[in-house]
Amino acid sequence: MPRIVNHEKKRKSIAEAAWNIIKKEGIEKASIRSVAIEAGMSAGALRHYFSTKDEMLLFIMDYYLEEGKKRSQSKSWSDNPLQAVAEVLLELIPIDEEKKIETSVWWILALQSLTSDTL
């Protein structure tokens, strides 16, 4: 009987593995091979999901944008408009380590998109 693979779960684990590498070593170290190793799979298996590094990076950014959106939707925002604006701005400003990494990766990908059709 063939093994049933949850492809969405596998893509999520790839994104999380890549994010771990990016946090520890920087985005330039997030190669297909290093992400595959971190995700516990072969580079060939990873290429089943992403044929290029740019495709993988685009998925990772989309994945983490969605995670940020979920995080934002789960927050309870103030009913006071000025306080709500302050809360939103604090959410967007990279004041903690995770947000600093997210912002750095976003800018790196934005710059790489100038020369990459995929990004």
PDB file of N, CA and C in Angstrom:
ATOM      1  N   MET A   1       0.842  -1.167   0.000  1.00  0.00           N
ATOM      2  CA  MET A   1       0.000   0.000   0.000  1.00  0.00           C
ATOM      3  C   MET A   1       0.899   1.247   0.000  1.00  0.00           C
ATOM      4  N   PRO A   2       0.624   2.214  -0.898  1.00  0.00           N
ATOM      5  CA  PRO A   2       1.464   3.402  -0.955  1.00  0.00           C
ATOM      6  C   PRO A   2       1.332   4.275   0.294  1.00  0.00           C
ATOM      7  N   ARG A   3       2.433   4.895   0.635  1.00  0.00           N
ATOM      8  CA  ARG A   3       2.444   5.764   1.800  1.00  0.00           C
ATOM      9  C   ARG A   3       1.727   7.075   1.467  1.00  0.00           C
ATOM     10  N   ILE A   4       0.868   7.509   2.350  1.00  0.00           N
ATOM     11  CA  ILE A   4       0.141   8.761   2.149  1.00  0.00           C
ATOM     12  C   ILE A   4       0.957   9.889   2.784  1.00  0.00           C
ATOM     13  N   VAL A   5       1.258  10.899   1.977  1.00  0.00           N
ATOM     14  CA  VAL A   5       2.063  12.026   2.438  1.00  0.00           C
ATOM     15  C   VAL A   5       1.182  13.265   2.511  1.00  0.00           C
ATOM     16  N   ASN A   6       1.240  13.925   3.636  1.00  0.00           N
ATOM     17  CA  ASN A   6       0.530  15.196   3.795  1.00  0.00           C
ATOM     18  C   ASN A   6       1.469  16.279   3.249  1.00  0.00           C
ATOM     19  N   HIS A   7       1.212  16.693   2.005  1.00  0.00           N
ATOM     20  CA  HIS A   7       2.114  17.617   1.328  1.00  0.00           C
ATOM     21  C   HIS A   7       2.143  18.986   1.992  1.00  0.00           C
ATOM     22  N   GLU A   8       1.017  19.444   2.485  1.00  0.00           N
ATOM     23  CA  GLU A   8       0.994  20.755   3.145  1.00  0.00           C
ATOM     24  C   GLU A   8       1.825  20.715   4.426  1.00  0.00           C
ATOM     25  N   LYS A   9       1.726  19.624   5.159  1.00  0.00           N
ATOM     26  CA  LYS A   9       2.525  19.472   6.386  1.00  0.00           C
ATOM     27  C   LYS A   9       4.013  19.407   6.043  1.00  0.00           C
ATOM     28  N   LYS A  10       4.344  18.735   4.961  1.00  0.00           N
ATOM     29  CA  LYS A  10       5.741  18.618   4.538  1.00  0.00           C
ATOM     30  C   LYS A  10       6.293  19.989   4.121  1.00  0.00           C
ATOM     31  N   ARG A  11       5.492  20.770   3.378  1.00  0.00           N
ATOM     32  CA  ARG A  11       5.913  22.105   2.967  1.00  0.00           C
ATOM     33  C   ARG A  11       6.117  22.998   4.209  1.00  0.00           C
ATOM     34  N   LYS A  12       5.237  22.842   5.191  1.00  0.00           N
ATOM     35  CA  LYS A  12       5.366  23.608   6.434  1.00  0.00           C
ATOM     36  C   LYS A  12       6.670  23.242   7.148  1.00  0.00           C
ATOM     37  N   SER A  13       6.987  21.960   7.201  1.00  0.00           N
ATOM     38  CA  SER A  13       8.229  21.548   7.872  1.00  0.00           C
ATOM     39  C   SER A  13       9.453  22.057   7.113  1.00  0.00           C
ATOM     40  N   ILE A  14       9.358  22.145   5.792  1.00  0.00           N
ATOM     41  CA  ILE A  14      10.448  22.704   4.990  1.00  0.00           C
ATOM     42  C   ILE A  14      10.613  24.189   5.322  1.00  0.00           C
ATOM     43  N   ALA A  15       9.494  24.912   5.384  1.00  0.00           N
ATOM     44  CA  ALA A  15       9.549  26.345   5.707  1.00  0.00           C
ATOM     45  C   ALA A  15      10.156  26.558   7.085  1.00  0.00           C
ATOM     46  N   GLU A  16       9.761  25.754   8.047  1.00  0.00           N
ATOM     47  CA  GLU A  16      10.289  25.898   9.404  1.00  0.00           C
ATOM     48  C   GLU A  16      11.767  25.542   9.471  1.00  0.00           C
ATOM     49  N   ALA A  17      12.180  24.524   8.715  1.00  0.00           N
ATOM     50  CA  ALA A  17      13.594  24.155   8.668  1.00  0.00           C
ATOM     51  C   ALA A  17      14.410  25.293   8.062  1.00  0.00           C
ATOM     52  N   ALA A  18      13.919  25.859   6.975  1.00  0.00           N
ATOM     53  CA  ALA A  18      14.627  26.973   6.336  1.00  0.00           C
ATOM     54  C   ALA A  18      14.697  28.163   7.276  1.00  0.00           C
ATOM     55  N   TRP A  19      13.598  28.436   7.971  1.00  0.00           N
ATOM     56  CA  TRP A  19      13.583  29.576   8.893  1.00  0.00           C
ATOM     57  C   TRP A  19      14.596  29.373  10.012  1.00  0.00           C
ATOM     58  N   ASN A  20      14.751  28.137  10.490  1.00  0.00           N
ATOM     59  CA  ASN A  20      15.753  27.845  11.525  1.00  0.00           C
ATOM     60  C   ASN A  20      17.156  28.172  11.020  1.00  0.00           C
ATOM     61  N   ILE A  21      17.441  27.807   9.779  1.00  0.00           N
ATOM     62  CA  ILE A  21      18.749  28.092   9.200  1.00  0.00           C
ATOM     63  C   ILE A  21      18.934  29.603   9.056  1.00  0.00           C
ATOM     64  N   ILE A  22      17.909  30.278   8.559  1.00  0.00           N
ATOM     65  CA  ILE A  22      17.983  31.726   8.371  1.00  0.00           C
ATOM     66  C   ILE A  22      18.252  32.422   9.704  1.00  0.00           C
ATOM     67  N   LYS A  23      17.563  31.992  10.757  1.00  0.00           N
ATOM     68  CA  LYS A  23      17.763  32.605  12.075  1.00  0.00           C
ATOM     69  C   LYS A  23      19.171  32.367  12.602  1.00  0.00           C
ATOM     70  N   LYS A  24      19.704  31.169  12.395  1.00  0.00           N
ATOM     71  CA  LYS A  24      21.010  30.816  12.950  1.00  0.00           C
ATOM     72  C   LYS A  24      22.181  31.313  12.095  1.00  0.00           C
ATOM     73  N   GLU A  25      22.025  31.210  10.762  1.00  0.00           N
ATOM     74  CA  GLU A  25      23.182  31.409   9.894  1.00  0.00           C
ATOM     75  C   GLU A  25      22.996  32.472   8.812  1.00  0.00           C
ATOM     76  N   GLY A  26      21.777  32.967   8.625  1.00  0.00           N
ATOM     77  CA  GLY A  26      21.524  33.956   7.585  1.00  0.00           C
ATOM     78  C   GLY A  26      20.896  33.337   6.352  1.00  0.00           C
ATOM     79  N   ILE A  27      20.235  34.175   5.578  1.00  0.00           N
ATOM     80  CA  ILE A  27      19.479  33.688   4.413  1.00  0.00           C
ATOM     81  C   ILE A  27      20.383  33.084   3.340  1.00  0.00           C
ATOM     82  N   GLU A  28      21.613  33.581   3.239  1.00  0.00           N
ATOM     83  CA  GLU A  28      22.516  33.057   2.213  1.00  0.00           C
ATOM     84  C   GLU A  28      22.879  31.596   2.457  1.00  0.00           C
ATOM     85  N   LYS A  29      22.732  31.117   3.680  1.00  0.00           N
ATOM     86  CA  LYS A  29      23.042  29.713   4.010  1.00  0.00           C
ATOM     87  C   LYS A  29      21.834  28.788   3.811  1.00  0.00           C
ATOM     88  N   ALA A  30      20.691  29.349   3.477  1.00  0.00           N
ATOM     89  CA  ALA A  30      19.472  28.543   3.294  1.00  0.00           C
ATOM     90  C   ALA A  30      19.428  27.991   1.872  1.00  0.00           C
ATOM     91  N   SER A  31      20.310  27.051   1.596  1.00  0.00           N
ATOM     92  CA  SER A  31      20.351  26.409   0.274  1.00  0.00           C
ATOM     93  C   SER A  31      19.384  25.225   0.265  1.00  0.00           C
ATOM     94  N   ILE A  32      19.107  24.723  -0.923  1.00  0.00           N
ATOM     95  CA  ILE A  32      18.255  23.538  -1.053  1.00  0.00           C
ATOM     96  C   ILE A  32      18.826  22.397  -0.211  1.00  0.00           C
ATOM     97  N   ARG A  33      20.123  22.187  -0.316  1.00  0.00           N
ATOM     98  CA  ARG A  33      20.775  21.085   0.403  1.00  0.00           C
ATOM     99  C   ARG A  33      20.700  21.264   1.919  1.00  0.00           C
ATOM    100  N   SER A  34      21.033  22.464   2.425  1.00  0.00           N
ATOM    101  CA  SER A  34      21.040  22.673   3.878  1.00  0.00           C
ATOM    102  C   SER A  34      19.627  22.614   4.454  1.00  0.00           C
ATOM    103  N   VAL A  35      18.658  23.127   3.716  1.00  0.00           N
ATOM    104  CA  VAL A  35      17.265  23.066   4.188  1.00  0.00           C
ATOM    105  C   VAL A  35      16.788  21.617   4.191  1.00  0.00           C
ATOM    106  N   ALA A  36      17.146  20.874   3.165  1.00  0.00           N
ATOM    107  CA  ALA A  36      16.757  19.461   3.116  1.00  0.00           C
ATOM    108  C   ALA A  36      17.316  18.701   4.316  1.00  0.00           C
ATOM    109  N   ILE A  37      18.573  18.932   4.628  1.00  0.00           N
ATOM    110  CA  ILE A  37      19.197  18.265   5.775  1.00  0.00           C
ATOM    111  C   ILE A  37      18.473  18.652   7.060  1.00  0.00           C
ATOM    112  N   GLU A  38      18.212  19.952   7.236  1.00  0.00           N
ATOM    113  CA  GLU A  38      17.527  20.431   8.438  1.00  0.00           C
ATOM    114  C   GLU A  38      16.116  19.841   8.548  1.00  0.00           C
ATOM    115  N   ALA A  39      15.466  19.636   7.396  1.00  0.00           N
ATOM    116  CA  ALA A  39      14.104  19.090   7.379  1.00  0.00           C
ATOM    117  C   ALA A  39      14.098  17.568   7.453  1.00  0.00           C
ATOM    118  N   GLY A  40      15.274  16.945   7.424  1.00  0.00           N
ATOM    119  CA  GLY A  40      15.367  15.488   7.520  1.00  0.00           C
ATOM    120  C   GLY A  40      14.952  14.783   6.240  1.00  0.00           C
ATOM    121  N   MET A  41      15.309  15.365   5.108  1.00  0.00           N
ATOM    122  CA  MET A  41      14.953  14.752   3.827  1.00  0.00           C
ATOM    123  C   MET A  41      16.106  14.938   2.852  1.00  0.00           C
ATOM    124  N   SER A  42      16.020  14.303   1.710  1.00  0.00           N
ATOM    125  CA  SER A  42      17.067  14.463   0.698  1.00  0.00           C
ATOM    126  C   SER A  42      16.802  15.721  -0.121  1.00  0.00           C
ATOM    127  N   ALA A  43      17.848  16.212  -0.761  1.00  0.00           N
ATOM    128  CA  ALA A  43      17.686  17.388  -1.625  1.00  0.00           C
ATOM    129  C   ALA A  43      16.731  17.066  -2.772  1.00  0.00           C
ATOM    130  N   GLY A  44      16.775  15.851  -3.270  1.00  0.00           N
ATOM    131  CA  GLY A  44      15.863  15.436  -4.345  1.00  0.00           C
ATOM    132  C   GLY A  44      14.416  15.468  -3.894  1.00  0.00           C
ATOM    133  N   ALA A  45      14.164  15.022  -2.670  1.00  0.00           N
ATOM    134  CA  ALA A  45      12.797  15.056  -2.141  1.00  0.00           C
ATOM    135  C   ALA A  45      12.322  16.499  -1.975  1.00  0.00           C
ATOM    136  N   LEU A  46      13.220  17.373  -1.522  1.00  0.00           N
ATOM    137  CA  LEU A  46      12.844  18.773  -1.367  1.00  0.00           C
ATOM    138  C   LEU A  46      12.544  19.394  -2.729  1.00  0.00           C
ATOM    139  N   ARG A  47      13.305  19.006  -3.741  1.00  0.00           N
ATOM    140  CA  ARG A  47      13.072  19.545  -5.087  1.00  0.00           C
ATOM    141  C   ARG A  47      11.727  19.084  -5.653  1.00  0.00           C
ATOM    142  N   HIS A  48      11.149  18.067  -5.077  1.00  0.00           N
ATOM    143  CA  HIS A  48       9.791  17.669  -5.464  1.00  0.00           C
ATOM    144  C   HIS A  48       8.812  18.796  -5.137  1.00  0.00           C
ATOM    145  N   TYR A  49       9.098  19.550  -4.087  1.00  0.00           N
ATOM    146  CA  TYR A  49       8.231  20.643  -3.648  1.00  0.00           C
ATOM    147  C   TYR A  49       8.654  21.985  -4.240  1.00  0.00           C
ATOM    148  N   PHE A  50       9.950  22.204  -4.373  1.00  0.00           N
ATOM    149  CA  PHE A  50      10.477  23.484  -4.872  1.00  0.00           C
ATOM    150  C   PHE A  50      11.617  23.189  -5.830  1.00  0.00           C
ATOM    151  N   SER A  51      11.494  23.586  -7.074  1.00  0.00           N
ATOM    152  CA  SER A  51      12.537  23.253  -8.045  1.00  0.00           C
ATOM    153  C   SER A  51      13.732  24.202  -7.954  1.00  0.00           C
ATOM    154  N   THR A  52      13.531  25.397  -7.383  1.00  0.00           N
ATOM    155  CA  THR A  52      14.643  26.338  -7.235  1.00  0.00           C
ATOM    156  C   THR A  52      14.658  26.918  -5.829  1.00  0.00           C
ATOM    157  N   LYS A  53      15.791  27.484  -5.468  1.00  0.00           N
ATOM    158  CA  LYS A  53      15.911  28.137  -4.164  1.00  0.00           C
ATOM    159  C   LYS A  53      14.956  29.326  -4.083  1.00  0.00           C
ATOM    160  N   ASP A  54      14.813  30.076  -5.175  1.00  0.00           N
ATOM    161  CA  ASP A  54      13.904  31.219  -5.163  1.00  0.00           C
ATOM    162  C   ASP A  54      12.459  30.802  -4.906  1.00  0.00           C
ATOM    163  N   GLU A  55      12.033  29.688  -5.506  1.00  0.00           N
ATOM    164  CA  GLU A  55      10.674  29.180  -5.237  1.00  0.00           C
ATOM    165  C   GLU A  55      10.514  28.852  -3.759  1.00  0.00           C
ATOM    166  N   MET A  56      11.523  28.225  -3.186  1.00  0.00           N
ATOM    167  CA  MET A  56      11.487  27.874  -1.771  1.00  0.00           C
ATOM    168  C   MET A  56      11.433  29.133  -0.907  1.00  0.00           C
ATOM    169  N   LEU A  57      12.270  30.119  -1.212  1.00  0.00           N
ATOM    170  CA  LEU A  57      12.291  31.358  -0.437  1.00  0.00           C
ATOM    171  C   LEU A  57      10.969  32.109  -0.542  1.00  0.00           C
ATOM    172  N   LEU A  58      10.376  32.109  -1.716  1.00  0.00           N
ATOM    173  CA  LEU A  58       9.078  32.760  -1.892  1.00  0.00           C
ATOM    174  C   LEU A  58       8.017  32.072  -1.040  1.00  0.00           C
ATOM    175  N   PHE A  59       8.022  30.744  -1.041  1.00  0.00           N
ATOM    176  CA  PHE A  59       7.068  30.013  -0.205  1.00  0.00           C
ATOM    177  C   PHE A  59       7.281  30.318   1.272  1.00  0.00           C
ATOM    178  N   ILE A  60       8.541  30.357   1.695  1.00  0.00           N
ATOM    179  CA  ILE A  60       8.862  30.633   3.097  1.00  0.00           C
ATOM    180  C   ILE A  60       8.339  32.010   3.492  1.00  0.00           C
ATOM    181  N   MET A  61       8.560  32.995   2.647  1.00  0.00           N
ATOM    182  CA  MET A  61       8.092  34.346   2.968  1.00  0.00           C
ATOM    183  C   MET A  61       6.568  34.378   3.019  1.00  0.00           C
ATOM    184  N   ASP A  62       5.915  33.739   2.061  1.00  0.00           N
ATOM    185  CA  ASP A  62       4.447  33.686   2.074  1.00  0.00           C
ATOM    186  C   ASP A  62       3.937  32.973   3.326  1.00  0.00           C
ATOM    187  N   TYR A  63       4.607  31.884   3.683  1.00  0.00           N
ATOM    188  CA  TYR A  63       4.212  31.109   4.860  1.00  0.00           C
ATOM    189  C   TYR A  63       4.291  31.983   6.119  1.00  0.00           C
ATOM    190  N   TYR A  64       5.398  32.701   6.266  1.00  0.00           N
ATOM    191  CA  TYR A  64       5.553  33.517   7.466  1.00  0.00           C
ATOM    192  C   TYR A  64       4.702  34.783   7.439  1.00  0.00           C
ATOM    193  N   LEU A  65       4.373  35.282   6.263  1.00  0.00           N
ATOM    194  CA  LEU A  65       3.406  36.384   6.186  1.00  0.00           C
ATOM    195  C   LEU A  65       2.036  35.907   6.672  1.00  0.00           C
ATOM    196  N   GLU A  66       1.669  34.692   6.274  1.00  0.00           N
ATOM    197  CA  GLU A  66       0.400  34.117   6.741  1.00  0.00           C
ATOM    198  C   GLU A  66       0.414  33.901   8.250  1.00  0.00           C
ATOM    199  N   GLU A  67       1.558  33.450   8.778  1.00  0.00           N
ATOM    200  CA  GLU A  67       1.674  33.257  10.225  1.00  0.00           C
ATOM    201  C   GLU A  67       1.520  34.597  10.950  1.00  0.00           C
ATOM    202  N   GLY A  68       2.122  35.646  10.403  1.00  0.00           N
ATOM    203  CA  GLY A  68       1.984  36.976  10.986  1.00  0.00           C
ATOM    204  C   GLY A  68       0.551  37.469  10.923  1.00  0.00           C
ATOM    205  N   LYS A  69      -0.119  37.160   9.834  1.00  0.00           N
ATOM    206  CA  LYS A  69      -1.531  37.533   9.677  1.00  0.00           C
ATOM    207  C   LYS A  69      -2.387  36.820  10.727  1.00  0.00           C
ATOM    208  N   LYS A  70      -2.127  35.529  10.924  1.00  0.00           N
ATOM    209  CA  LYS A  70      -2.857  34.783  11.959  1.00  0.00           C
ATOM    210  C   LYS A  70      -2.581  35.361  13.338  1.00  0.00           C
ATOM    211  N   ARG A  71      -1.303  35.702  13.585  1.00  0.00           N
ATOM    212  CA  ARG A  71      -0.925  36.300  14.864  1.00  0.00           C
ATOM    213  C   ARG A  71      -1.678  37.606  15.080  1.00  0.00           C
ATOM    214  N   SER A  72      -1.775  38.405  14.038  1.00  0.00           N
ATOM    215  CA  SER A  72      -2.469  39.691  14.108  1.00  0.00           C
ATOM    216  C   SER A  72      -3.965  39.505  14.342  1.00  0.00           C
ATOM    217  N   GLN A  73      -4.551  38.525  13.667  1.00  0.00           N
ATOM    218  CA  GLN A  73      -5.987  38.286  13.804  1.00  0.00           C
ATOM    219  C   GLN A  73      -6.353  37.720  15.167  1.00  0.00           C
ATOM    220  N   SER A  74      -5.407  37.095  15.826  1.00  0.00           N
ATOM    221  CA  SER A  74      -5.704  36.510  17.135  1.00  0.00           C
ATOM    222  C   SER A  74      -5.548  37.531  18.262  1.00  0.00           C
ATOM    223  N   LYS A  75      -4.997  38.688  17.948  1.00  0.00           N
ATOM    224  CA  LYS A  75      -4.823  39.728  18.968  1.00  0.00           C
ATOM    225  C   LYS A  75      -6.141  40.465  19.188  1.00  0.00           C
ATOM    226  N   SER A  76      -6.297  40.957  20.394  1.00  0.00           N
ATOM    227  CA  SER A  76      -7.449  41.824  20.657  1.00  0.00           C
ATOM    228  C   SER A  76      -6.938  43.260  20.639  1.00  0.00           C
ATOM    229  N   TRP A  77      -7.426  44.026  19.681  1.00  0.00           N
ATOM    230  CA  TRP A  77      -6.987  45.395  19.494  1.00  0.00           C
ATOM    231  C   TRP A  77      -7.871  46.334  20.300  1.00  0.00           C
ATOM    232  N   SER A  78      -7.317  47.430  20.710  1.00  0.00           N
ATOM    233  CA  SER A  78      -8.028  48.423  21.508  1.00  0.00           C
ATOM    234  C   SER A  78      -9.185  49.024  20.711  1.00  0.00           C
ATOM    235  N   ASP A  79     -10.255  49.370  21.410  1.00  0.00           N
ATOM    236  CA  ASP A  79     -11.377  50.067  20.785  1.00  0.00           C
ATOM    237  C   ASP A  79     -11.066  51.541  20.583  1.00  0.00           C
ATOM    238  N   ASN A  80     -10.095  52.049  21.326  1.00  0.00           N
ATOM    239  CA  ASN A  80      -9.673  53.439  21.184  1.00  0.00           C
ATOM    240  C   ASN A  80      -8.822  53.546  19.920  1.00  0.00           C
ATOM    241  N   PRO A  81      -9.257  54.354  18.923  1.00  0.00           N
ATOM    242  CA  PRO A  81      -8.541  54.413  17.643  1.00  0.00           C
ATOM    243  C   PRO A  81      -7.057  54.770  17.769  1.00  0.00           C
ATOM    244  N   LEU A  82      -6.721  55.734  18.614  1.00  0.00           N
ATOM    245  CA  LEU A  82      -5.320  56.106  18.768  1.00  0.00           C
ATOM    246  C   LEU A  82      -4.499  54.980  19.393  1.00  0.00           C
ATOM    247  N   GLN A  83      -5.060  54.326  20.378  1.00  0.00           N
ATOM    248  CA  GLN A  83      -4.380  53.201  21.012  1.00  0.00           C
ATOM    249  C   GLN A  83      -4.233  52.047  20.015  1.00  0.00           C
ATOM    250  N   ALA A  84      -5.262  51.820  19.200  1.00  0.00           N
ATOM    251  CA  ALA A  84      -5.210  50.753  18.199  1.00  0.00           C
ATOM    252  C   ALA A  84      -4.094  51.021  17.185  1.00  0.00           C
ATOM    253  N   VAL A  85      -3.951  52.276  16.758  1.00  0.00           N
ATOM    254  CA  VAL A  85      -2.879  52.642  15.829  1.00  0.00           C
ATOM    255  C   VAL A  85      -1.517  52.361  16.467  1.00  0.00           C
ATOM    256  N   ALA A  86      -1.358  52.739  17.719  1.00  0.00           N
ATOM    257  CA  ALA A  86      -0.102  52.480  18.430  1.00  0.00           C
ATOM    258  C   ALA A  86       0.170  50.972  18.513  1.00  0.00           C
ATOM    259  N   GLU A  87      -0.849  50.193  18.800  1.00  0.00           N
ATOM    260  CA  GLU A  87      -0.691  48.737  18.885  1.00  0.00           C
ATOM    261  C   GLU A  87      -0.279  48.142  17.542  1.00  0.00           C
ATOM    262  N   VAL A  88      -0.909  48.606  16.468  1.00  0.00           N
ATOM    263  CA  VAL A  88      -0.575  48.103  15.137  1.00  0.00           C
ATOM    264  C   VAL A  88       0.860  48.472  14.772  1.00  0.00           C
ATOM    265  N   LEU A  89       1.241  49.712  15.037  1.00  0.00           N
ATOM    266  CA  LEU A  89       2.607  50.133  14.732  1.00  0.00           C
ATOM    267  C   LEU A  89       3.638  49.323  15.511  1.00  0.00           C
ATOM    268  N   LEU A  90       3.359  49.064  16.772  1.00  0.00           N
ATOM    269  CA  LEU A  90       4.269  48.245  17.570  1.00  0.00           C
ATOM    270  C   LEU A  90       4.357  46.821  17.035  1.00  0.00           C
ATOM    271  N   GLU A  91       3.285  46.345  16.446  1.00  0.00           N
ATOM    272  CA  GLU A  91       3.282  45.011  15.851  1.00  0.00           C
ATOM    273  C   GLU A  91       4.152  44.983  14.589  1.00  0.00           C
ATOM    274  N   LEU A  92       4.186  46.092  13.873  1.00  0.00           N
ATOM    275  CA  LEU A  92       4.919  46.155  12.607  1.00  0.00           C
ATOM    276  C   LEU A  92       6.399  46.497  12.770  1.00  0.00           C
ATOM    277  N   ILE A  93       6.749  47.176  13.840  1.00  0.00           N
ATOM    278  CA  ILE A  93       8.122  47.603  14.054  1.00  0.00           C
ATOM    279  C   ILE A  93       8.946  46.424  14.584  1.00  0.00           C
ATOM    280  N   PRO A  94      10.108  46.197  14.005  1.00  0.00           N
ATOM    281  CA  PRO A  94      10.935  45.058  14.445  1.00  0.00           C
ATOM    282  C   PRO A  94      11.615  45.315  15.791  1.00  0.00           C
ATOM    283  N   ILE A  95      10.851  45.154  16.870  1.00  0.00           N
ATOM    284  CA  ILE A  95      11.398  45.436  18.193  1.00  0.00           C
ATOM    285  C   ILE A  95      11.843  44.188  18.953  1.00  0.00           C
ATOM    286  N   ASP A  96      11.476  43.013  18.459  1.00  0.00           N
ATOM    287  CA  ASP A  96      11.984  41.796  19.096  1.00  0.00           C
ATOM    288  C   ASP A  96      12.765  40.993  18.057  1.00  0.00           C
ATOM    289  N   GLU A  97      13.461  39.978  18.506  1.00  0.00           N
ATOM    290  CA  GLU A  97      14.366  39.223  17.638  1.00  0.00           C
ATOM    291  C   GLU A  97      13.634  38.598  16.446  1.00  0.00           C
ATOM    292  N   GLU A  98      12.485  37.994  16.681  1.00  0.00           N
ATOM    293  CA  GLU A  98      11.738  37.341  15.595  1.00  0.00           C
ATOM    294  C   GLU A  98      11.309  38.353  14.531  1.00  0.00           C
ATOM    295  N   LYS A  99      10.814  39.500  14.957  1.00  0.00           N
ATOM    296  CA  LYS A  99      10.377  40.526  13.996  1.00  0.00           C
ATOM    297  C   LYS A  99      11.575  41.130  13.262  1.00  0.00           C
ATOM    298  N   LYS A 100      12.719  41.227  13.924  1.00  0.00           N
ATOM    299  CA  LYS A 100      13.925  41.722  13.259  1.00  0.00           C
ATOM    300  C   LYS A 100      14.317  40.776  12.126  1.00  0.00           C
ATOM    301  N   ILE A 101      14.265  39.488  12.412  1.00  0.00           N
ATOM    302  CA  ILE A 101      14.608  38.492  11.393  1.00  0.00           C
ATOM    303  C   ILE A 101      13.603  38.558  10.250  1.00  0.00           C
ATOM    304  N   GLU A 102      12.312  38.599  10.572  1.00  0.00           N
ATOM    305  CA  GLU A 102      11.275  38.681   9.538  1.00  0.00           C
ATOM    306  C   GLU A 102      11.497  39.895   8.642  1.00  0.00           C
ATOM    307  N   THR A 103      11.778  41.035   9.247  1.00  0.00           N
ATOM    308  CA  THR A 103      11.978  42.271   8.488  1.00  0.00           C
ATOM    309  C   THR A 103      13.237  42.177   7.625  1.00  0.00           C
ATOM    310  N   SER A 104      14.305  41.646   8.186  1.00  0.00           N
ATOM    311  CA  SER A 104      15.555  41.503   7.428  1.00  0.00           C
ATOM    312  C   SER A 104      15.358  40.600   6.222  1.00  0.00           C
ATOM    313  N   VAL A 105      14.710  39.465   6.444  1.00  0.00           N
ATOM    314  CA  VAL A 105      14.469  38.531   5.341  1.00  0.00           C
ATOM    315  C   VAL A 105      13.575  39.190   4.286  1.00  0.00           C
ATOM    316  N   TRP A 106      12.559  39.905   4.721  1.00  0.00           N
ATOM    317  CA  TRP A 106      11.662  40.577   3.783  1.00  0.00           C
ATOM    318  C   TRP A 106      12.459  41.535   2.889  1.00  0.00           C
ATOM    319  N   TRP A 107      13.343  42.355   3.480  1.00  0.00           N
ATOM    320  CA  TRP A 107      14.119  43.310   2.699  1.00  0.00           C
ATOM    321  C   TRP A 107      15.101  42.608   1.773  1.00  0.00           C
ATOM    322  N   ILE A 108      15.725  41.554   2.232  1.00  0.00           N
ATOM    323  CA  ILE A 108      16.653  40.802   1.384  1.00  0.00           C
ATOM    324  C   ILE A 108      15.913  40.238   0.178  1.00  0.00           C
ATOM    325  N   LEU A 109      14.741  39.644   0.423  1.00  0.00           N
ATOM    326  CA  LEU A 109      13.965  39.084  -0.685  1.00  0.00           C
ATOM    327  C   LEU A 109      13.460  40.185  -1.613  1.00  0.00           C
ATOM    328  N   ALA A 110      13.091  41.327  -1.048  1.00  0.00           N
ATOM    329  CA  ALA A 110      12.639  42.448  -1.881  1.00  0.00           C
ATOM    330  C   ALA A 110      13.769  42.887  -2.816  1.00  0.00           C
ATOM    331  N   LEU A 111      14.988  42.959  -2.293  1.00  0.00           N
ATOM    332  CA  LEU A 111      16.128  43.337  -3.130  1.00  0.00           C
ATOM    333  C   LEU A 111      16.447  42.257  -4.160  1.00  0.00           C
ATOM    334  N   GLN A 112      16.373  40.995  -3.752  1.00  0.00           N
ATOM    335  CA  GLN A 112      16.644  39.898  -4.690  1.00  0.00           C
ATOM    336  C   GLN A 112      15.583  39.842  -5.793  1.00  0.00           C
ATOM    337  N   SER A 113      14.387  40.325  -5.484  1.00  0.00           N
ATOM    338  CA  SER A 113      13.319  40.287  -6.489  1.00  0.00           C
ATOM    339  C   SER A 113      13.620  41.190  -7.681  1.00  0.00           C
ATOM    340  N   LEU A 114      14.555  42.118  -7.511  1.00  0.00           N
ATOM    341  CA  LEU A 114      14.932  42.984  -8.623  1.00  0.00           C
ATOM    342  C   LEU A 114      15.615  42.208  -9.742  1.00  0.00           C
ATOM    343  N   THR A 115      16.214  41.061  -9.396  1.00  0.00           N
ATOM    344  CA  THR A 115      16.925  40.263 -10.401  1.00  0.00           C
ATOM    345  C   THR A 115      16.369  38.855 -10.568  1.00  0.00           C
ATOM    346  N   SER A 116      15.287  38.528  -9.858  1.00  0.00           N
ATOM    347  CA  SER A 116      14.710  37.185  -9.928  1.00  0.00           C
ATOM    348  C   SER A 116      13.242  37.262 -10.359  1.00  0.00           C
ATOM    349  N   ASP A 117      12.929  36.630 -11.478  1.00  0.00           N
ATOM    350  CA  ASP A 117      11.539  36.610 -11.941  1.00  0.00           C
ATOM    351  C   ASP A 117      10.635  35.885 -10.953  1.00  0.00           C
ATOM    352  N   THR A 118      11.144  34.847 -10.304  1.00  0.00           N
ATOM    353  CA  THR A 118      10.346  34.081  -9.340  1.00  0.00           C
ATOM    354  C   THR A 118       9.952  34.933  -8.147  1.00  0.00           C
ATOM    355  N   LEU A 119      10.920  35.669  -7.583  1.00  0.00           N
ATOM    356  CA  LEU A 119      10.640  36.491  -6.420  1.00  0.00           C
ATOM    357  C   LEU A 119       9.899  37.756  -6.810  1.00  0.00           C
TER     358      LEU A 119
END
